[in-house]
Protein backbone atom coordinates (compact mmCIF):
# COMPACT_ATOMS: atom_id res chain seq x y z
CA MET A 1 61.71 -119.93 -24.39
CA ALA A 2 63.16 -121.24 -21.66
CA LEU A 3 66.34 -122.80 -20.61
CA ALA A 4 66.56 -126.92 -20.91
CA ASP A 5 65.15 -128.51 -17.47
CA TYR A 6 68.68 -129.86 -17.14
CA HIS A 7 70.33 -126.37 -17.22
CA ASP A 8 71.86 -126.53 -13.63
CA ARG A 9 73.94 -129.31 -14.74
CA ALA A 10 75.07 -127.03 -17.45
CA ALA A 11 75.87 -124.15 -15.32
CA LEU A 12 77.90 -126.92 -13.12
CA ALA A 13 80.39 -127.59 -15.57
CA ALA A 14 80.49 -123.55 -16.66
CA ALA A 15 81.31 -122.67 -12.86
CA GLN A 16 84.41 -124.66 -12.88
CA VAL A 17 86.14 -123.04 -15.77
CA ILE A 18 84.75 -119.40 -15.87
CA SER A 19 86.56 -117.65 -13.04
CA GLY A 20 84.35 -115.89 -10.98
CA PHE A 21 81.87 -117.71 -11.87
CA ASN A 22 77.96 -115.91 -11.04
CA GLU A 23 74.91 -117.94 -11.68
CA GLN A 24 72.53 -115.01 -12.71
CA ALA A 25 74.82 -113.29 -14.88
CA PHE A 26 75.49 -116.56 -16.79
CA ARG A 27 71.73 -117.46 -16.99
CA SER A 28 71.16 -113.88 -17.97
CA ALA A 29 73.40 -114.37 -21.04
CA LEU A 30 71.93 -117.26 -21.82
CA GLU A 31 68.14 -115.87 -21.67
CA THR A 32 69.40 -112.62 -23.36
CA THR A 33 71.28 -113.93 -26.18
CA THR A 34 70.42 -115.44 -29.68
CA ILE A 35 73.13 -117.87 -31.38
CA GLY A 36 72.98 -117.61 -34.87
CA VAL A 37 73.83 -121.08 -37.26
CA SER A 38 73.82 -120.60 -40.94
CA LEU A 39 74.88 -122.87 -43.81
CA ASP A 40 74.83 -121.39 -47.84
CA GLU A 41 73.49 -123.62 -50.40
CA HIS A 42 76.52 -125.93 -51.03
CA ALA A 43 77.15 -126.51 -47.71
CA SER A 44 73.74 -127.65 -47.07
CA ALA A 45 73.85 -129.90 -50.05
CA VAL A 46 77.17 -132.11 -49.36
CA SER A 47 77.65 -134.66 -46.39
CA GLU A 48 80.36 -132.81 -44.67
CA GLY A 49 78.40 -129.94 -44.34
CA ARG A 50 75.05 -131.46 -43.08
CA VAL A 51 77.37 -133.77 -40.83
CA LEU A 52 79.42 -130.45 -38.99
CA SER A 53 75.43 -128.48 -38.97
CA ASP A 54 74.02 -131.38 -37.14
CA LEU A 55 76.57 -131.64 -34.40
CA VAL A 56 76.55 -127.98 -34.16
CA VAL A 57 72.98 -127.91 -33.47
CA ARG A 58 73.33 -130.81 -31.17
CA LEU A 59 75.72 -128.93 -29.12
CA LEU A 60 74.37 -125.29 -29.06
CA ALA A 61 70.94 -127.02 -28.34
CA ARG A 62 71.68 -128.09 -25.07
CA LEU A 63 73.01 -124.73 -23.53
CA TYR A 64 71.57 -121.94 -25.58
CA PRO A 65 67.86 -121.32 -25.27
CA ARG A 66 67.43 -119.22 -28.42
CA LEU A 67 69.09 -119.79 -31.85
CA GLN A 68 68.49 -118.68 -35.45
CA LEU A 69 68.95 -120.75 -38.04
CA THR A 70 69.90 -119.70 -41.28
CA VAL A 71 70.02 -122.35 -43.97
CA THR A 72 68.97 -122.27 -47.63
CA ASP A 73 68.06 -125.59 -48.16
CA PRO A 74 64.12 -126.06 -46.64
CA PRO A 75 64.26 -130.17 -45.60
CA HIS A 76 67.52 -129.46 -43.95
CA LYS A 77 66.34 -126.49 -41.72
CA ALA A 78 63.14 -128.51 -40.64
CA ASP A 79 65.53 -131.42 -39.89
CA LEU A 80 67.65 -129.17 -37.40
CA SER A 81 65.19 -127.27 -36.26
CA ALA A 82 63.49 -130.57 -35.01
CA LEU A 83 66.72 -131.88 -33.69
CA ALA A 84 67.20 -128.43 -31.62
CA GLN A 85 63.66 -128.86 -30.05
CA ALA A 86 63.87 -133.02 -29.26
CA ILE A 87 66.74 -132.19 -27.23
CA ASN A 88 65.62 -129.13 -25.79
CA PRO A 89 61.20 -128.97 -26.34
CA GLN A 90 61.33 -125.38 -24.99
CA ILE A 91 63.98 -124.22 -26.94
CA GLU A 92 63.25 -120.64 -29.39
CA LEU A 93 63.88 -120.74 -32.62
CA VAL A 94 64.12 -117.37 -34.54
CA ASN A 95 64.43 -116.24 -37.82
CA SER A 96 66.58 -112.55 -36.88
CA GLY A 97 68.42 -111.33 -33.81
CA ALA A 98 71.43 -113.88 -33.44
CA GLU A 99 74.89 -111.46 -31.94
CA VAL A 100 77.02 -114.60 -32.15
CA GLY A 101 76.73 -117.28 -34.74
CA ILE A 102 78.68 -119.88 -36.57
CA ALA A 103 78.89 -119.87 -40.58
CA VAL A 104 79.40 -123.01 -42.10
CA GLY A 105 80.10 -122.59 -45.91
CA GLU A 106 82.07 -119.94 -48.03
CA LYS A 107 78.60 -117.83 -48.54
CA ALA A 108 76.82 -118.53 -46.05
CA PRO A 109 75.31 -115.11 -44.09
CA SER A 110 77.57 -113.71 -41.11
CA PHE A 111 76.70 -112.04 -38.04
CA PRO A 112 77.90 -109.32 -35.79
CA THR A 113 80.46 -112.04 -34.18
CA THR A 114 80.94 -114.91 -36.63
CA VAL A 115 82.67 -117.60 -35.58
CA PHE A 116 83.52 -119.54 -39.63
CA ALA A 117 83.75 -123.44 -39.79
CA GLY A 118 84.24 -125.70 -42.56
CA SER A 119 86.45 -129.40 -43.27
CA GLU A 120 87.94 -130.92 -46.07
CA GLY A 121 88.29 -134.63 -44.98
CA TRP A 122 90.67 -135.23 -41.98
CA LEU A 123 90.92 -131.61 -41.51
CA ALA A 124 88.92 -129.14 -39.69
CA ARG A 125 89.20 -125.64 -40.00
CA VAL A 126 87.80 -122.84 -37.92
CA GLY A 127 88.22 -119.33 -37.72
CA ARG A 128 87.22 -115.27 -37.21
CA SER A 129 89.17 -114.05 -40.57
CA GLY A 130 86.98 -115.50 -43.23
CA PRO A 131 84.88 -118.21 -44.42
CA SER A 132 85.45 -121.83 -45.18
CA SER A 133 83.90 -124.70 -47.30
CA ALA A 134 82.70 -128.04 -46.29
CA GLU A 135 83.66 -130.89 -48.92
CA ASP A 136 81.39 -133.88 -49.64
CA SER A 137 83.49 -136.87 -48.59
CA TRP A 138 82.93 -139.88 -46.54
CA ASN A 139 85.05 -138.53 -43.63
CA PRO A 140 83.08 -137.50 -40.54
CA PHE A 141 85.97 -136.79 -38.38
CA GLY A 142 87.49 -133.01 -39.61
CA ALA A 143 84.02 -131.87 -39.89
CA GLY A 144 82.89 -133.18 -36.10
CA VAL A 145 86.50 -131.77 -34.80
CA ALA A 146 85.29 -128.05 -35.99
CA ALA A 147 81.52 -128.37 -34.86
CA CYS A 148 83.43 -128.71 -31.20
CA LEU A 149 85.90 -125.89 -32.06
CA ALA A 150 83.34 -123.61 -33.45
CA VAL A 151 80.97 -124.06 -30.58
CA ALA A 152 84.19 -123.39 -27.91
CA ASN A 153 84.95 -120.35 -29.48
CA VAL A 154 81.46 -119.25 -29.51
CA PHE A 155 81.44 -120.04 -25.52
CA ARG A 156 84.61 -118.10 -25.53
CA VAL A 157 82.93 -114.94 -27.02
CA LEU A 158 80.44 -115.21 -24.22
CA PHE A 159 81.59 -116.21 -21.42
CA VAL A 160 85.55 -115.86 -21.36
CA SER A 161 87.20 -112.80 -20.53
CA ASP A 162 89.61 -110.98 -22.87
CA SER A 163 88.00 -113.59 -25.40
CA SER A 164 88.94 -111.35 -28.32
CA GLU A 165 92.51 -112.65 -28.03
CA ARG A 166 91.48 -116.06 -27.08
CA LEU A 167 89.47 -116.51 -30.88
CA ASP A 168 90.94 -118.76 -33.33
CA GLU A 169 92.18 -116.99 -36.34
CA ASN A 170 91.44 -119.52 -39.22
CA VAL A 171 92.97 -122.51 -37.94
CA ALA A 172 92.89 -125.32 -39.55
CA PHE A 173 93.91 -129.23 -37.37
CA SER A 174 93.84 -132.80 -38.86
CA THR A 175 92.48 -135.75 -37.21
CA TRP A 176 94.94 -137.57 -38.94
CA SER A 177 98.09 -136.20 -37.90
CA GLY A 178 96.74 -134.86 -34.47
CA GLU A 179 98.49 -131.12 -35.21
CA ARG A 180 97.30 -127.81 -36.78
CA SER A 181 97.86 -128.10 -40.72
CA GLU A 182 97.49 -126.32 -43.92
CA GLY A 183 96.66 -129.46 -46.04
CA ASP A 184 94.63 -132.67 -45.62
CA ASP A 185 97.31 -134.85 -45.01
CA GLY A 186 95.60 -138.14 -44.64
CA PRO A 187 94.42 -141.02 -47.23
CA PRO A 188 90.76 -140.79 -48.70
CA LEU A 189 88.42 -142.13 -46.31
CA PRO A 190 87.09 -144.94 -48.55
CA GLU A 191 82.75 -145.69 -48.81
CA SER A 192 83.40 -148.81 -46.56
CA VAL A 193 86.41 -149.39 -44.32
CA ARG A 194 85.65 -153.33 -42.81
CA LEU A 195 87.63 -153.51 -39.41
CA PRO A 196 89.46 -156.78 -39.41
CA GLY A 197 88.34 -157.83 -36.27
CA ASP A 198 85.32 -156.91 -33.34
CA ALA A 199 86.10 -153.51 -31.77
CA VAL A 200 84.78 -152.55 -28.31
CA LEU A 201 83.47 -149.12 -27.07
CA VAL A 202 83.36 -148.97 -23.19
CA GLY A 203 81.83 -146.21 -21.93
CA LEU A 204 78.94 -144.71 -23.28
CA GLY A 205 78.77 -141.39 -21.30
CA ALA A 206 79.84 -138.23 -22.72
CA VAL A 207 82.63 -139.01 -24.36
CA GLY A 208 81.58 -142.30 -25.58
CA HIS A 209 78.28 -140.32 -27.16
CA GLY A 210 81.04 -138.31 -29.42
CA VAL A 211 82.65 -141.64 -30.44
CA LEU A 212 79.06 -143.14 -31.44
CA TRP A 213 78.68 -139.80 -33.23
CA ALA A 214 81.72 -139.86 -35.44
CA LEU A 215 81.08 -143.85 -36.01
CA GLY A 216 77.62 -143.93 -37.03
CA ARG A 217 78.75 -140.81 -39.52
CA SER A 218 81.40 -143.01 -40.66
CA ARG A 219 81.88 -145.57 -43.40
CA LEU A 220 83.73 -148.14 -40.88
CA ALA A 221 81.72 -151.41 -40.98
CA GLY A 222 82.09 -154.50 -38.49
CA ARG A 223 81.07 -155.45 -35.47
CA LEU A 224 81.00 -152.90 -32.27
CA HIS A 225 80.64 -154.28 -28.98
CA VAL A 226 79.26 -151.45 -26.50
CA VAL A 227 79.26 -151.42 -23.01
CA ASP A 228 78.06 -149.81 -20.24
CA PRO A 229 75.31 -150.69 -17.20
CA GLU A 230 73.84 -147.67 -16.87
CA ARG A 231 70.74 -145.50 -17.96
CA ILE A 232 70.60 -142.30 -19.28
CA GLU A 233 69.73 -139.41 -16.49
CA LEU A 234 68.41 -136.39 -16.91
CA SER A 235 71.35 -134.45 -15.98
CA ASN A 236 73.30 -136.22 -18.49
CA LEU A 237 71.89 -134.78 -21.23
CA GLN A 238 73.94 -131.28 -21.01
CA ARG A 239 76.45 -132.58 -22.55
CA TYR A 240 75.16 -136.51 -24.19
CA VAL A 241 75.58 -134.79 -27.51
CA LEU A 242 73.25 -138.53 -28.85
CA GLY A 243 70.98 -137.66 -26.09
CA GLN A 244 67.24 -136.18 -26.46
CA ARG A 245 64.88 -135.12 -23.64
CA SER A 246 62.68 -138.48 -24.37
CA ASP A 247 66.10 -140.35 -23.68
CA ASP A 248 65.72 -140.01 -19.98
CA GLY A 249 65.50 -143.68 -18.14
CA ARG A 250 66.62 -145.70 -21.38
CA LEU A 251 69.53 -147.89 -21.76
CA LYS A 252 72.55 -146.32 -22.26
CA THR A 253 73.38 -149.32 -24.70
CA GLN A 254 69.98 -148.67 -26.58
CA VAL A 255 70.99 -145.16 -27.79
CA ALA A 256 74.10 -146.86 -28.68
CA GLU A 257 72.16 -149.06 -30.88
CA SER A 258 70.05 -146.64 -32.21
CA ALA A 259 73.58 -144.09 -33.02
CA LEU A 260 74.68 -147.10 -35.47
CA VAL A 261 71.57 -147.71 -37.24
CA MET A 262 72.07 -146.07 -40.27
CA SER A 263 75.97 -146.69 -40.23
CA GLY A 264 77.94 -150.25 -41.32
CA LEU A 265 78.53 -151.23 -37.75
CA GLU A 266 76.62 -153.70 -36.26
CA PRO A 267 76.33 -153.03 -32.69
CA VAL A 268 76.55 -155.55 -29.74
CA SER A 269 74.89 -154.34 -26.25
CA HIS A 270 76.74 -155.26 -23.29
CA ALA A 271 74.65 -153.61 -20.35
CA SER A 272 77.28 -154.59 -17.51
CA ARG A 273 80.69 -153.13 -15.98
CA TRP A 274 84.12 -153.91 -18.13
CA ALA A 275 84.67 -156.75 -15.58
CA GLU A 276 81.85 -158.67 -16.15
CA PHE A 277 82.03 -157.82 -19.98
CA VAL A 278 85.33 -159.82 -20.17
CA GLU A 279 84.48 -162.43 -17.73
CA ARG A 280 81.33 -163.95 -20.20
CA GLN A 281 82.81 -162.66 -23.33
CA GLY A 282 86.45 -163.52 -22.73
CA TYR A 283 89.75 -161.80 -23.18
CA ASP A 284 91.44 -161.23 -26.39
CA TRP A 285 90.09 -158.19 -27.94
CA PRO A 286 91.90 -156.54 -31.02
CA PHE A 287 90.87 -152.68 -30.79
CA VAL A 288 89.12 -151.57 -27.32
CA VAL A 289 88.10 -147.47 -27.31
CA VAL A 290 88.01 -146.42 -23.56
CA ALA A 291 85.75 -143.77 -22.80
CA LEU A 292 85.58 -144.07 -19.14
CA ASP A 293 85.38 -141.67 -16.12
CA SER A 294 87.97 -143.47 -13.16
CA VAL A 295 91.61 -144.19 -13.23
CA ARG A 296 90.81 -147.34 -11.86
CA ASP A 297 88.34 -148.56 -14.55
CA ARG A 298 91.14 -147.26 -17.50
CA ARG A 299 94.19 -149.31 -16.07
CA SER A 300 91.44 -152.14 -15.36
CA VAL A 301 91.24 -152.20 -19.06
CA GLN A 302 94.75 -151.88 -19.84
CA ALA A 303 95.42 -155.11 -17.34
CA THR A 304 93.09 -157.16 -20.02
CA LEU A 305 95.68 -156.84 -22.80
CA PRO A 306 93.90 -155.90 -25.69
CA GLY A 307 95.93 -155.32 -29.27
CA TRP A 308 95.25 -151.65 -29.63
CA VAL A 309 93.67 -149.41 -27.18
CA ALA A 310 92.50 -145.59 -27.64
CA ASN A 311 92.02 -143.72 -24.56
CA ALA A 312 90.84 -140.01 -23.73
CA TRP A 313 89.65 -137.94 -20.83
CA THR A 314 88.57 -134.42 -19.70
CA GLN A 315 89.43 -132.30 -17.40
CA PRO A 316 88.24 -128.96 -16.05
CA GLY A 317 88.86 -126.77 -19.37
CA ASP A 318 91.13 -129.57 -21.54
CA LEU A 319 91.27 -132.65 -23.27
CA GLY A 320 93.35 -135.44 -23.56
CA VAL A 321 93.14 -138.46 -25.98
CA SER A 322 96.27 -141.18 -26.13
CA VAL A 323 96.53 -144.37 -28.89
CA HIS A 324 98.49 -147.01 -27.27
CA SER A 325 99.59 -149.71 -30.57
CA ARG A 326 101.63 -152.05 -28.61
CA PHE A 327 101.61 -152.99 -24.79
CA GLY A 328 105.49 -153.49 -23.65
CA GLY A 329 106.55 -151.45 -26.12
CA GLU A 330 108.62 -148.43 -25.96
CA GLY A 331 105.49 -146.38 -25.89
CA ALA A 332 103.31 -145.92 -22.56
CA CYS A 333 100.41 -148.44 -21.75
CA VAL A 334 97.22 -146.72 -20.66
CA SER A 335 98.64 -147.70 -16.95
CA CYS A 336 101.74 -145.79 -17.67
CA LEU A 337 99.36 -142.46 -17.73
CA TYR A 338 97.89 -142.92 -14.80
CA LEU A 339 100.58 -144.04 -12.27
CA PRO A 340 100.40 -142.00 -9.08
CA SER A 341 103.45 -139.80 -8.23
CA GLY A 342 102.66 -140.18 -4.98
CA PRO A 343 100.17 -142.00 -1.85
CA VAL A 344 96.83 -142.43 -3.55
CA PRO A 345 93.91 -141.95 -0.64
CA ASN A 346 91.77 -144.78 0.05
CA GLU A 347 87.87 -143.95 -0.72
CA ASP A 348 87.19 -143.52 2.56
CA GLU A 349 89.87 -140.49 3.01
CA LEU A 350 88.75 -138.77 0.07
CA VAL A 351 85.17 -138.87 0.91
CA ALA A 352 85.47 -137.60 4.30
CA GLN A 353 87.86 -134.85 3.12
CA ALA A 354 85.55 -133.44 0.39
CA LEU A 355 82.78 -133.91 2.58
CA GLY A 356 85.05 -131.64 5.38
CA VAL A 357 84.47 -134.41 7.86
CA PRO A 358 88.13 -135.60 8.05
CA ASP A 359 88.23 -136.39 11.54
CA ARG A 360 84.90 -138.91 11.04
CA GLN A 361 86.95 -140.98 8.20
CA GLN A 362 86.77 -144.02 10.35
CA GLN A 363 82.91 -143.32 10.38
CA ILE A 364 82.53 -142.80 6.99
CA ARG A 365 84.37 -146.40 6.05
CA ASP A 366 82.19 -147.95 7.61
CA LEU A 367 79.41 -146.36 6.44
CA LEU A 368 80.48 -147.04 2.42
CA HIS A 369 81.48 -150.54 3.36
CA HIS A 370 77.90 -151.25 4.68
CA GLY A 371 75.54 -148.70 2.53
CA THR A 372 73.71 -147.69 5.60
CA PRO A 373 72.14 -144.34 5.69
CA ALA A 374 74.46 -141.14 6.87
CA PRO A 375 73.10 -140.40 10.53
CA ALA A 376 71.73 -137.16 11.72
CA ASP A 377 75.36 -136.09 13.91
CA LEU A 378 77.13 -136.64 10.56
CA LEU A 379 75.07 -134.61 8.12
CA GLU A 380 75.19 -131.80 10.70
CA ALA A 381 78.99 -132.24 10.89
CA VAL A 382 79.23 -131.75 6.95
CA SER A 383 76.79 -129.11 7.30
CA ALA A 384 79.34 -127.14 9.41
CA GLY A 385 82.32 -128.41 7.43
CA LEU A 386 80.97 -127.30 4.33
CA ASP A 387 79.51 -124.29 5.50
CA VAL A 388 75.93 -125.40 3.99
CA PRO A 389 73.01 -124.95 6.06
CA ILE A 390 71.60 -127.98 7.49
CA GLU A 391 68.40 -127.73 5.86
CA ALA A 392 70.06 -128.24 2.36
CA PHE A 393 70.61 -131.59 3.26
CA SER A 394 67.07 -132.82 3.95
CA GLN A 395 67.17 -135.10 0.37
CA PHE A 396 69.74 -137.29 2.05
CA VAL A 397 68.32 -138.09 5.15
CA GLY A 398 68.21 -142.11 4.68
CA ARG A 399 70.49 -142.37 1.67
CA GLY A 400 73.93 -143.59 1.85
CA ILE A 401 77.18 -141.59 1.96
CA ARG A 402 77.87 -142.14 -1.51
CA ASP A 403 75.11 -140.52 -2.67
CA LEU A 404 75.61 -137.63 -0.24
CA TYR A 405 79.47 -137.13 -1.94
CA VAL A 406 78.32 -138.26 -5.77
CA GLU A 407 75.19 -136.13 -5.80
CA GLY A 408 75.84 -133.69 -2.95
CA LEU A 409 79.33 -132.85 -3.63
CA CYS A 410 80.16 -134.29 -7.37
CA GLY A 411 76.37 -133.28 -8.49
CA GLY A 412 76.41 -129.85 -7.52
CA ALA A 413 73.46 -130.38 -5.08
CA LEU A 414 75.12 -128.97 -2.22
CA ILE A 415 77.84 -126.55 -3.00
CA ALA A 416 76.67 -122.99 -4.40
CA LEU A 417 78.27 -122.63 -8.02
CA GLU A 418 79.87 -119.66 -7.25
CA ARG A 419 82.75 -121.58 -4.80
CA LEU A 420 83.36 -123.25 -8.03
CA GLY A 421 84.90 -120.42 -10.04
CA LYS A 422 88.48 -122.22 -9.86
CA PRO A 423 88.31 -125.48 -10.78
CA VAL A 424 87.61 -128.54 -8.64
CA GLN A 425 88.65 -131.98 -9.93
CA GLU A 426 86.51 -133.76 -7.60
CA VAL A 427 83.35 -132.30 -9.00
CA HIS A 428 84.44 -131.67 -12.86
CA VAL A 429 81.32 -131.67 -14.97
CA PRO A 430 82.49 -131.48 -18.80
CA LEU A 431 81.66 -128.97 -21.12
CA ALA A 432 79.80 -130.20 -24.02
CA HIS A 433 81.43 -129.47 -26.66
CA GLN A 434 84.95 -130.51 -24.84
CA SER A 435 83.80 -134.36 -24.36
CA ALA A 436 82.06 -134.53 -28.24
CA LEU A 437 85.76 -133.53 -28.94
CA ALA A 438 87.38 -136.12 -27.16
CA GLY A 439 85.14 -138.61 -28.53
CA VAL A 440 85.35 -137.82 -32.01
CA LEU A 441 88.91 -137.74 -32.02
CA LEU A 442 88.85 -140.83 -30.40
CA ALA A 443 87.05 -142.56 -33.28
CA SER A 444 88.59 -141.26 -35.61
CA ALA A 445 91.76 -142.82 -33.88
CA LEU A 446 89.99 -146.36 -34.54
CA ALA A 447 89.57 -145.48 -38.08
CA ARG A 448 93.55 -144.06 -38.93
CA HIS A 449 94.71 -147.42 -37.01
CA VAL A 450 92.79 -149.07 -39.76
CA LEU A 451 93.99 -147.67 -42.24
CA SER A 452 97.38 -147.00 -41.54
CA ASP A 453 100.31 -150.06 -40.40
CA GLY A 454 100.48 -149.02 -36.79
CA GLU A 455 102.27 -146.96 -34.72
CA ASP A 456 105.50 -147.65 -32.69
CA LEU A 457 105.05 -144.93 -30.06
CA THR A 458 102.15 -144.09 -27.99
CA ARG A 459 100.55 -140.82 -29.27
CA VAL A 460 99.16 -138.39 -26.89
CA THR A 461 97.03 -135.32 -28.03
CA ARG A 462 96.25 -132.55 -25.47
CA ILE A 463 93.55 -129.80 -26.36
CA ASP A 464 92.52 -126.63 -24.70
CA VAL A 465 88.59 -125.67 -25.35
CA LEU A 466 89.20 -122.58 -23.70
CA ARG A 467 92.66 -121.35 -25.51
CA PRO A 468 93.02 -121.05 -29.46
CA LEU A 469 94.38 -123.89 -30.40
CA GLY A 470 98.00 -124.22 -30.16
CA SER A 471 100.56 -126.18 -31.50
CA HIS A 472 102.19 -129.39 -30.74
CA LEU A 473 99.08 -130.87 -29.80
CA THR A 474 100.48 -134.52 -30.30
CA GLN A 475 103.41 -135.58 -28.76
CA PRO A 476 104.58 -139.33 -28.21
CA ALA A 477 105.03 -140.92 -24.87
CA LYS A 478 107.63 -143.14 -23.88
CA ALA A 479 107.16 -146.15 -21.58
CA GLY A 480 109.88 -145.93 -18.57
CA ASP A 481 108.26 -146.61 -15.06
CA SER A 482 109.61 -149.74 -14.25
CA ARG A 483 106.07 -150.10 -11.39
CA CYS A 484 103.78 -150.13 -14.84
CA ILE A 485 102.81 -153.76 -15.24
CA CYS A 486 104.26 -152.81 -19.08
CA ARG A 487 107.38 -153.30 -17.86
CA ASP A 488 105.94 -156.60 -16.51
CA ALA A 489 107.69 -160.19 -17.40
CA ASP A 490 104.93 -161.58 -17.20
CA TYR A 491 102.03 -159.23 -18.61
CA VAL A 492 104.66 -158.63 -21.55
CA THR A 493 104.64 -162.32 -22.38
CA THR A 494 101.20 -162.94 -22.04
CA PHE A 495 100.20 -160.07 -24.49
CA GLU A 496 102.84 -161.64 -26.83
CA ALA A 497 101.45 -164.82 -26.89
CA LYS A 498 97.76 -163.35 -27.57
CA TRP A 499 99.46 -160.50 -30.41
CA PRO A 500 102.39 -162.00 -31.88
CA GLU A 501 105.30 -160.16 -33.14
CA GLY A 502 104.60 -158.36 -36.14
CA LEU A 503 100.62 -158.54 -36.13
CA GLN A 504 98.79 -156.28 -38.19
CA PRO A 505 95.67 -154.84 -37.85
CA ALA A 506 94.55 -156.69 -41.03
CA LYS A 507 95.68 -159.67 -39.74
CA TYR A 508 93.37 -159.39 -36.84
CA ARG A 509 90.46 -162.20 -36.46
CA ARG A 510 88.34 -163.20 -33.45
């Protein structure tokens, strides 16, 4: 039994949300704890039970090195076992000993500490008080959210202080309304729902994987363009729910194609950045799902004026999803959400400050511009500024300053994890269940939009994965700042020419 060989990245993510993080204690807890997953016969037989357990195992196997799978259906248990081993080939699968576990189904075996999970169409159920059933429907969204929330509870049991006060007690969340609910308030998802126009998913990172996981198990059909220029790296696997150990080095678009092979969606791959994609393919996209990391990239997507946009983000501990139905109306656009409240530092200023050498900003600017290696005297200055031994910088000799910043600081290669107990935005690495939850909610937003008549105001949903599910999770967001492009007459006129007033989703065509 061994931790996955991308464990260090998982530890970095945990370090940013666990106060007083201790790397050795974190590793010891993982190595000495068996996590269980149990399904009763009914849950193993129905679609939502199989979908829920699939995502639970995808999330747990990335972090926990020993799993107990108690599944009454032998073929399903074999599938889940093979999935766990594909994610971490060194994982240990045992038949007993789990102290903490997730039980799916009303008759699923429990554990000393049990998190119960179930779903009913759009509705996710999770908690400690008693079991929940899984229904048989074409809808994967409630099951996907239930899996993420259940894994979040397991994480809190092991690693968050006062965890007994931070666990969910039989709560229900509707992916249709975006709120806690005791009833499924959305329509049944038909066996087949065809997108009335081409959709685009831009960004195939951790959140994008959550989107693809959900869409690949939904009954949406049509053409989905997937846009991302990068390849999967080993460090990505701690939070990419579709990623298996053998995917290291594959183009992210190739993984997306594999994820959709059994769905009704036809993937069209574009291994490029958004700007290159629209330059080659055009700017008239009725549906765009945004799963990008940077504010600049999100705003650039909005500036191309899609007909409808859904956007997601993660930050230490929580996540957000925003749905934007009409640019220039009462609702906030994507750019509205990211307008700076004060002066925004240039990249050279941000990098110089983060590396502890603000007095070297001009030198940093020149190095960033020319892409030349960081000289020895600068590495010594950064060593002193960060209070990190100079020996730790040997891997960056002859490499550019951007590598030093991205890998050394943001990637955690230089900063001891114990120094990250207090969340630091510049080095944020999401928890796997956090990113997956944002992705499932994004996918459900697309399905909801196609089935409904659209929404007048922007909806923003926020969930903190370190605390019990709250209330008033989804709120409208109004536009109002005159600096935003959605208040600019030229942008609004261009949008209205592309997407005439009163245009409903079913009338979208390419």
